[in-house]
């Protein structure tokens, strides 16, 4: 992966319109951090930790 973006959704989830727009993006991949509702700052750390675990360091 040469470039990646992580989108953290609101606590209530994305609206149907937001989901549709994200689904329409080329090469988008939807992932879940599980059933728990996380604060945005915690979700960002968790998501980036998972990314780094799979893809390695950013360099």
N, C-alpha and C. Protein backbone atom coordinates (compact mmCIF):
# COMPACT_ATOMS: atom_id res chain seq x y z
N UNK A 1 0.86 -1.18 0.00
CA UNK A 1 0.00 0.00 0.00
C UNK A 1 0.89 1.23 0.00
N UNK A 2 0.76 2.05 -1.02
CA UNK A 2 1.59 3.25 -1.08
C UNK A 2 0.93 4.44 -0.36
N UNK A 3 -0.40 4.46 -0.34
CA UNK A 3 -1.12 5.53 0.35
C UNK A 3 -2.36 4.93 1.00
N UNK A 4 -2.66 5.42 2.17
CA UNK A 4 -3.85 4.92 2.87
C UNK A 4 -4.48 6.07 3.65
N UNK A 5 -5.77 5.97 3.85
CA UNK A 5 -6.50 6.92 4.68
C UNK A 5 -7.37 6.12 5.63
N UNK A 6 -7.48 6.60 6.84
CA UNK A 6 -8.33 5.96 7.84
C UNK A 6 -9.45 6.95 8.15
N UNK A 7 -10.69 6.49 8.03
CA UNK A 7 -11.85 7.32 8.32
C UNK A 7 -12.50 6.78 9.58
N UNK A 8 -12.58 7.60 10.60
CA UNK A 8 -13.20 7.22 11.86
C UNK A 8 -14.62 7.78 11.87
N UNK A 9 -15.59 6.92 12.05
CA UNK A 9 -16.98 7.35 12.02
C UNK A 9 -17.46 7.88 13.35
N UNK A 10 -18.63 8.50 13.35
CA UNK A 10 -19.21 9.00 14.58
C UNK A 10 -19.70 7.86 15.47
N UNK A 11 -19.91 8.14 16.74
CA UNK A 11 -20.35 7.10 17.68
C UNK A 11 -21.65 6.43 17.25
N UNK A 12 -22.52 7.17 16.61
CA UNK A 12 -23.80 6.62 16.16
C UNK A 12 -23.72 5.89 14.83
N UNK A 13 -22.55 5.88 14.23
CA UNK A 13 -22.38 5.23 12.93
C UNK A 13 -22.58 6.21 11.79
N UNK A 14 -22.19 5.78 10.60
CA UNK A 14 -22.36 6.61 9.41
C UNK A 14 -23.82 6.58 8.97
N UNK A 15 -24.27 7.67 8.38
CA UNK A 15 -25.62 7.72 7.82
C UNK A 15 -25.63 6.89 6.53
N UNK A 16 -26.81 6.50 6.07
CA UNK A 16 -26.88 5.76 4.80
C UNK A 16 -26.22 6.53 3.64
N UNK A 17 -26.40 7.84 3.60
CA UNK A 17 -25.79 8.64 2.54
C UNK A 17 -24.26 8.61 2.64
N UNK A 18 -23.74 8.71 3.86
CA UNK A 18 -22.28 8.65 4.05
C UNK A 18 -21.74 7.28 3.66
N UNK A 19 -22.44 6.23 4.05
CA UNK A 19 -22.01 4.87 3.68
C UNK A 19 -21.99 4.71 2.16
N UNK A 20 -23.01 5.21 1.50
CA UNK A 20 -23.09 5.12 0.05
C UNK A 20 -21.93 5.85 -0.61
N UNK A 21 -21.61 7.02 -0.09
CA UNK A 21 -20.49 7.79 -0.66
C UNK A 21 -19.16 7.06 -0.46
N UNK A 22 -18.94 6.51 0.72
CA UNK A 22 -17.70 5.77 0.99
C UNK A 22 -17.64 4.53 0.12
N UNK A 23 -18.77 3.82 -0.02
CA UNK A 23 -18.81 2.63 -0.86
C UNK A 23 -18.45 2.95 -2.31
N UNK A 24 -18.75 4.17 -2.75
CA UNK A 24 -18.47 4.56 -4.12
C UNK A 24 -17.02 4.93 -4.38
N UNK A 25 -16.22 5.05 -3.34
CA UNK A 25 -14.81 5.39 -3.52
C UNK A 25 -14.05 4.20 -4.07
N UNK A 26 -13.18 4.48 -5.02
CA UNK A 26 -12.38 3.42 -5.61
C UNK A 26 -11.41 2.85 -4.57
N UNK A 27 -11.31 1.55 -4.52
CA UNK A 27 -10.39 0.84 -3.63
C UNK A 27 -10.70 1.04 -2.15
N UNK A 28 -11.94 1.37 -1.81
CA UNK A 28 -12.27 1.52 -0.39
C UNK A 28 -12.43 0.14 0.24
N UNK A 29 -12.04 0.05 1.48
CA UNK A 29 -12.11 -1.19 2.24
C UNK A 29 -12.71 -0.87 3.59
N UNK A 30 -13.81 -1.51 3.90
CA UNK A 30 -14.48 -1.24 5.17
C UNK A 30 -14.04 -2.26 6.21
N UNK A 31 -13.65 -1.76 7.36
CA UNK A 31 -13.24 -2.61 8.47
C UNK A 31 -13.94 -2.16 9.74
N UNK A 32 -14.03 -3.06 10.68
CA UNK A 32 -14.64 -2.74 11.97
C UNK A 32 -13.64 -3.07 13.08
N UNK A 33 -13.66 -2.28 14.12
CA UNK A 33 -12.82 -2.56 15.29
C UNK A 33 -13.58 -3.38 16.33
N UNK A 34 -14.75 -3.88 15.95
CA UNK A 34 -15.53 -4.72 16.85
C UNK A 34 -16.80 -4.04 17.32
N UNK A 35 -17.52 -4.69 18.21
CA UNK A 35 -18.84 -4.19 18.62
C UNK A 35 -18.80 -3.03 19.61
N UNK A 36 -17.65 -2.76 20.18
CA UNK A 36 -17.57 -1.70 21.19
C UNK A 36 -17.60 -0.32 20.53
N UNK A 37 -18.19 0.64 21.21
CA UNK A 37 -18.19 2.02 20.74
C UNK A 37 -17.00 2.71 21.39
N UNK A 38 -16.07 3.18 20.55
CA UNK A 38 -14.85 3.82 21.03
C UNK A 38 -14.93 5.32 20.82
N UNK A 39 -14.25 6.06 21.68
CA UNK A 39 -14.10 7.49 21.45
C UNK A 39 -13.25 7.67 20.20
N UNK A 40 -13.41 8.81 19.52
CA UNK A 40 -12.70 9.03 18.26
C UNK A 40 -11.19 8.93 18.43
N UNK A 41 -10.65 9.51 19.51
CA UNK A 41 -9.20 9.46 19.69
C UNK A 41 -8.72 8.04 19.96
N UNK A 42 -9.50 7.26 20.70
CA UNK A 42 -9.14 5.87 20.97
C UNK A 42 -9.26 5.03 19.70
N UNK A 43 -10.31 5.27 18.91
CA UNK A 43 -10.51 4.53 17.66
C UNK A 43 -9.37 4.80 16.69
N UNK A 44 -8.90 6.04 16.63
CA UNK A 44 -7.79 6.37 15.72
C UNK A 44 -6.53 5.62 16.12
N UNK A 45 -6.22 5.59 17.40
CA UNK A 45 -5.03 4.87 17.87
C UNK A 45 -5.17 3.38 17.58
N UNK A 46 -6.34 2.81 17.85
CA UNK A 46 -6.56 1.39 17.60
C UNK A 46 -6.44 1.07 16.12
N UNK A 47 -7.03 1.89 15.26
CA UNK A 47 -6.98 1.65 13.82
C UNK A 47 -5.56 1.74 13.28
N UNK A 48 -4.82 2.74 13.71
CA UNK A 48 -3.44 2.88 13.24
C UNK A 48 -2.54 1.77 13.77
N UNK A 49 -2.82 1.30 14.97
CA UNK A 49 -2.07 0.16 15.52
C UNK A 49 -2.32 -1.09 14.68
N UNK A 50 -3.57 -1.33 14.31
CA UNK A 50 -3.90 -2.48 13.45
C UNK A 50 -3.21 -2.34 12.09
N UNK A 51 -3.24 -1.14 11.52
CA UNK A 51 -2.59 -0.90 10.22
C UNK A 51 -1.10 -1.20 10.31
N UNK A 52 -0.47 -0.67 11.34
CA UNK A 52 0.97 -0.88 11.49
C UNK A 52 1.28 -2.35 11.74
N UNK A 53 0.42 -3.06 12.42
CA UNK A 53 0.62 -4.48 12.67
C UNK A 53 0.65 -5.27 11.37
N UNK A 54 -0.20 -4.89 10.43
CA UNK A 54 -0.29 -5.60 9.15
C UNK A 54 0.76 -5.10 8.15
N UNK A 55 0.93 -3.79 8.05
CA UNK A 55 1.76 -3.21 7.01
C UNK A 55 3.17 -2.84 7.46
N UNK A 56 3.42 -2.85 8.74
CA UNK A 56 4.75 -2.49 9.24
C UNK A 56 4.87 -1.00 9.47
N UNK A 57 6.10 -0.57 9.73
CA UNK A 57 6.36 0.84 9.99
C UNK A 57 6.06 1.68 8.76
N UNK A 58 5.93 2.99 8.95
CA UNK A 58 5.52 3.89 7.88
C UNK A 58 6.64 4.16 6.89
N UNK A 59 7.84 3.79 7.19
CA UNK A 59 8.96 4.15 6.31
C UNK A 59 9.06 3.28 5.10
